[in-house]
Structures are given as structure tokens and as C-alpha cells.
């Protein structure tokens, strides 16, 4: 299955804005493996890490 980087990254960003951090983190990890350059890969890794930590902190502040 071919994963399109931009589509996956856009979906992840949308879920992140909706505070769906678990699903967003999963999609950021998918985008990480679809990224073709180091800058995009690093950005995806950082977003996935942010979502993972936010699952336990930001959802509690609603």
C-alpha cells in the first residue's frame, strides 16, 4: 500500500486540532515513514512525540 505523505500529514494535523491526540500521533508516525526528506521526517517525529505526551496532559484540561 502506497502512503501519500501530504494526505496523511494533513489528516494528522486536522485530528491534532480536534484534540484527537492518539489518532493524530498514529498518523504522524505513518507520515514519518512516507516522508522523503529528513526535514519532513523530523517534523513528523516531533509532532508524533507531542501528540503522545498530549494524550496524557492536554485532554485533561478540557
N, C-alpha and C. Protein backbone atom coordinates (compact mmCIF):
# COMPACT_ATOMS: atom_id res chain seq x y z
N UNK A 1 0.85 -1.19 0.00
CA UNK A 1 0.00 0.00 0.00
C UNK A 1 0.88 1.24 0.00
N UNK A 2 0.59 2.15 -0.89
CA UNK A 2 1.38 3.37 -1.01
C UNK A 2 0.74 4.47 -0.15
N UNK A 3 1.53 5.01 0.74
CA UNK A 3 1.04 6.06 1.63
C UNK A 3 1.49 7.41 1.07
N UNK A 4 0.55 8.33 0.94
CA UNK A 4 0.88 9.66 0.46
C UNK A 4 1.18 10.56 1.65
N UNK A 5 2.36 11.13 1.64
CA UNK A 5 2.82 11.93 2.77
C UNK A 5 1.89 13.10 3.08
N UNK A 6 1.60 13.93 2.09
CA UNK A 6 0.82 15.15 2.36
C UNK A 6 -0.59 14.83 2.84
N UNK A 7 -1.23 13.84 2.26
CA UNK A 7 -2.58 13.48 2.70
C UNK A 7 -2.57 13.02 4.16
N UNK A 8 -1.60 12.20 4.49
CA UNK A 8 -1.51 11.68 5.86
C UNK A 8 -1.18 12.80 6.84
N UNK A 9 -0.26 13.68 6.46
CA UNK A 9 0.12 14.79 7.34
C UNK A 9 -1.06 15.74 7.55
N UNK A 10 -1.83 16.00 6.51
CA UNK A 10 -3.00 16.88 6.66
C UNK A 10 -4.05 16.26 7.58
N UNK A 11 -4.26 14.97 7.43
CA UNK A 11 -5.22 14.29 8.31
C UNK A 11 -4.74 14.35 9.76
N UNK A 12 -3.46 14.12 9.96
CA UNK A 12 -2.90 14.16 11.32
C UNK A 12 -3.05 15.55 11.92
N UNK A 13 -2.77 16.57 11.14
CA UNK A 13 -2.89 17.94 11.63
C UNK A 13 -4.34 18.26 11.99
N UNK A 14 -5.28 17.80 11.18
CA UNK A 14 -6.69 18.02 11.47
C UNK A 14 -7.12 17.35 12.77
N UNK A 15 -6.68 16.12 12.96
CA UNK A 15 -7.01 15.42 14.20
C UNK A 15 -6.37 16.09 15.41
N UNK A 16 -5.17 16.59 15.21
CA UNK A 16 -4.49 17.29 16.30
C UNK A 16 -5.27 18.55 16.70
N UNK A 17 -5.78 19.28 15.72
CA UNK A 17 -6.59 20.48 16.02
C UNK A 17 -7.87 20.11 16.76
N UNK A 18 -8.38 18.90 16.50
CA UNK A 18 -9.59 18.43 17.18
C UNK A 18 -9.27 17.77 18.52
N UNK A 19 -8.01 17.80 18.90
CA UNK A 19 -7.53 17.25 20.17
C UNK A 19 -7.68 15.73 20.23
N UNK A 20 -7.64 15.10 19.08
CA UNK A 20 -7.66 13.63 18.98
C UNK A 20 -6.21 13.17 18.89
N UNK A 21 -5.50 13.28 20.02
CA UNK A 21 -4.04 13.13 20.01
C UNK A 21 -3.58 11.70 19.73
N UNK A 22 -4.31 10.72 20.18
CA UNK A 22 -3.89 9.33 19.93
C UNK A 22 -3.92 9.02 18.43
N UNK A 23 -5.04 9.37 17.78
CA UNK A 23 -5.16 9.11 16.36
C UNK A 23 -4.19 9.97 15.56
N UNK A 24 -4.02 11.22 15.98
CA UNK A 24 -3.08 12.11 15.28
C UNK A 24 -1.66 11.58 15.38
N UNK A 25 -1.28 11.11 16.54
CA UNK A 25 0.07 10.56 16.71
C UNK A 25 0.30 9.36 15.82
N UNK A 26 -0.72 8.52 15.70
CA UNK A 26 -0.61 7.35 14.82
C UNK A 26 -0.40 7.79 13.36
N UNK A 27 -1.16 8.79 12.93
CA UNK A 27 -1.00 9.28 11.56
C UNK A 27 0.33 9.99 11.35
N UNK A 28 0.82 10.73 12.35
CA UNK A 28 2.14 11.35 12.21
C UNK A 28 3.21 10.29 12.04
N UNK A 29 3.07 9.16 12.73
CA UNK A 29 4.04 8.08 12.55
C UNK A 29 3.95 7.49 11.14
N UNK A 30 2.75 7.38 10.60
CA UNK A 30 2.61 6.90 9.22
C UNK A 30 3.26 7.88 8.26
N UNK A 31 3.02 9.17 8.48
CA UNK A 31 3.62 10.20 7.62
C UNK A 31 5.14 10.18 7.73
N UNK A 32 5.65 9.91 8.91
CA UNK A 32 7.10 9.82 9.11
C UNK A 32 7.73 8.81 8.15
N UNK A 33 7.11 7.66 8.01
CA UNK A 33 7.67 6.63 7.15
C UNK A 33 7.41 6.90 5.67
N UNK A 34 6.47 7.79 5.37
CA UNK A 34 6.22 8.16 3.98
C UNK A 34 7.05 9.37 3.55
N UNK A 35 7.64 10.07 4.52
CA UNK A 35 8.42 11.29 4.22
C UNK A 35 9.64 10.94 3.37
N UNK A 36 9.91 11.81 2.41
CA UNK A 36 11.03 11.56 1.50
C UNK A 36 12.26 12.39 1.82
N UNK A 37 12.14 13.33 2.74
CA UNK A 37 13.34 14.09 3.12
C UNK A 37 13.44 14.18 4.64
N UNK A 38 14.63 14.48 5.08
CA UNK A 38 14.91 14.47 6.52
C UNK A 38 14.15 15.53 7.29
N UNK A 39 13.92 16.68 6.68
CA UNK A 39 13.21 17.77 7.37
C UNK A 39 11.77 17.34 7.67
N UNK A 40 11.09 16.79 6.68
CA UNK A 40 9.72 16.33 6.89
C UNK A 40 9.67 15.18 7.90
N UNK A 41 10.61 14.28 7.81
CA UNK A 41 10.65 13.15 8.73
C UNK A 41 10.83 13.63 10.17
N UNK A 42 11.74 14.57 10.37
CA UNK A 42 11.97 15.09 11.72
C UNK A 42 10.73 15.82 12.24
N UNK A 43 10.06 16.60 11.38
CA UNK A 43 8.85 17.30 11.79
C UNK A 43 7.78 16.29 12.23
N UNK A 44 7.60 15.23 11.46
CA UNK A 44 6.61 14.21 11.81
C UNK A 44 6.96 13.54 13.13
N UNK A 45 8.22 13.26 13.34
CA UNK A 45 8.65 12.63 14.59
C UNK A 45 8.33 13.54 15.78
N UNK A 46 8.60 14.83 15.62
CA UNK A 46 8.32 15.78 16.71
C UNK A 46 6.82 15.91 16.97
N UNK A 47 6.01 15.94 15.91
CA UNK A 47 4.55 16.04 16.08
C UNK A 47 4.02 14.78 16.76
N UNK A 48 4.53 13.61 16.37
CA UNK A 48 4.08 12.36 16.98
C UNK A 48 4.44 12.35 18.47
N UNK A 49 5.64 12.81 18.80
CA UNK A 49 6.05 12.89 20.21
C UNK A 49 5.15 13.85 20.99
N UNK A 50 4.83 14.99 20.38
CA UNK A 50 3.95 15.96 21.02
C UNK A 50 2.57 15.34 21.29
N UNK A 51 2.05 14.63 20.29
CA UNK A 51 0.73 14.02 20.46
C UNK A 51 0.74 12.96 21.55
N UNK A 52 1.80 12.18 21.60
CA UNK A 52 1.90 11.15 22.63
C UNK A 52 1.88 11.77 24.02
N UNK A 53 2.64 12.84 24.22
CA UNK A 53 2.64 13.47 25.54
C UNK A 53 1.33 14.20 25.80
N UNK A 54 0.71 14.73 24.77
CA UNK A 54 -0.55 15.47 24.94
C UNK A 54 -1.72 14.57 25.29
N UNK A 55 -1.63 13.30 24.91
CA UNK A 55 -2.70 12.36 25.26
C UNK A 55 -2.93 12.33 26.76
N UNK A 56 -1.88 12.54 27.52
CA UNK A 56 -1.96 12.41 28.97
C UNK A 56 -2.11 13.75 29.69
N UNK A 57 -1.87 14.86 28.99
CA UNK A 57 -1.92 16.15 29.66
C UNK A 57 -3.00 17.06 29.11
N UNK A 58 -3.04 17.26 27.83
CA UNK A 58 -3.95 18.25 27.25
C UNK A 58 -5.41 17.82 27.28
N UNK A 59 -5.72 16.55 27.15
CA UNK A 59 -7.11 16.11 27.20
C UNK A 59 -7.72 16.34 28.58
N UNK A 60 -6.90 16.36 29.61
CA UNK A 60 -7.41 16.56 30.97
C UNK A 60 -7.81 18.01 31.23
N UNK A 61 -7.36 18.94 30.39
CA UNK A 61 -7.60 20.36 30.62
C UNK A 61 -8.87 20.87 29.96
N UNK A 62 -9.66 20.01 29.36
CA UNK A 62 -10.86 20.46 28.65
C UNK A 62 -11.93 20.91 29.60
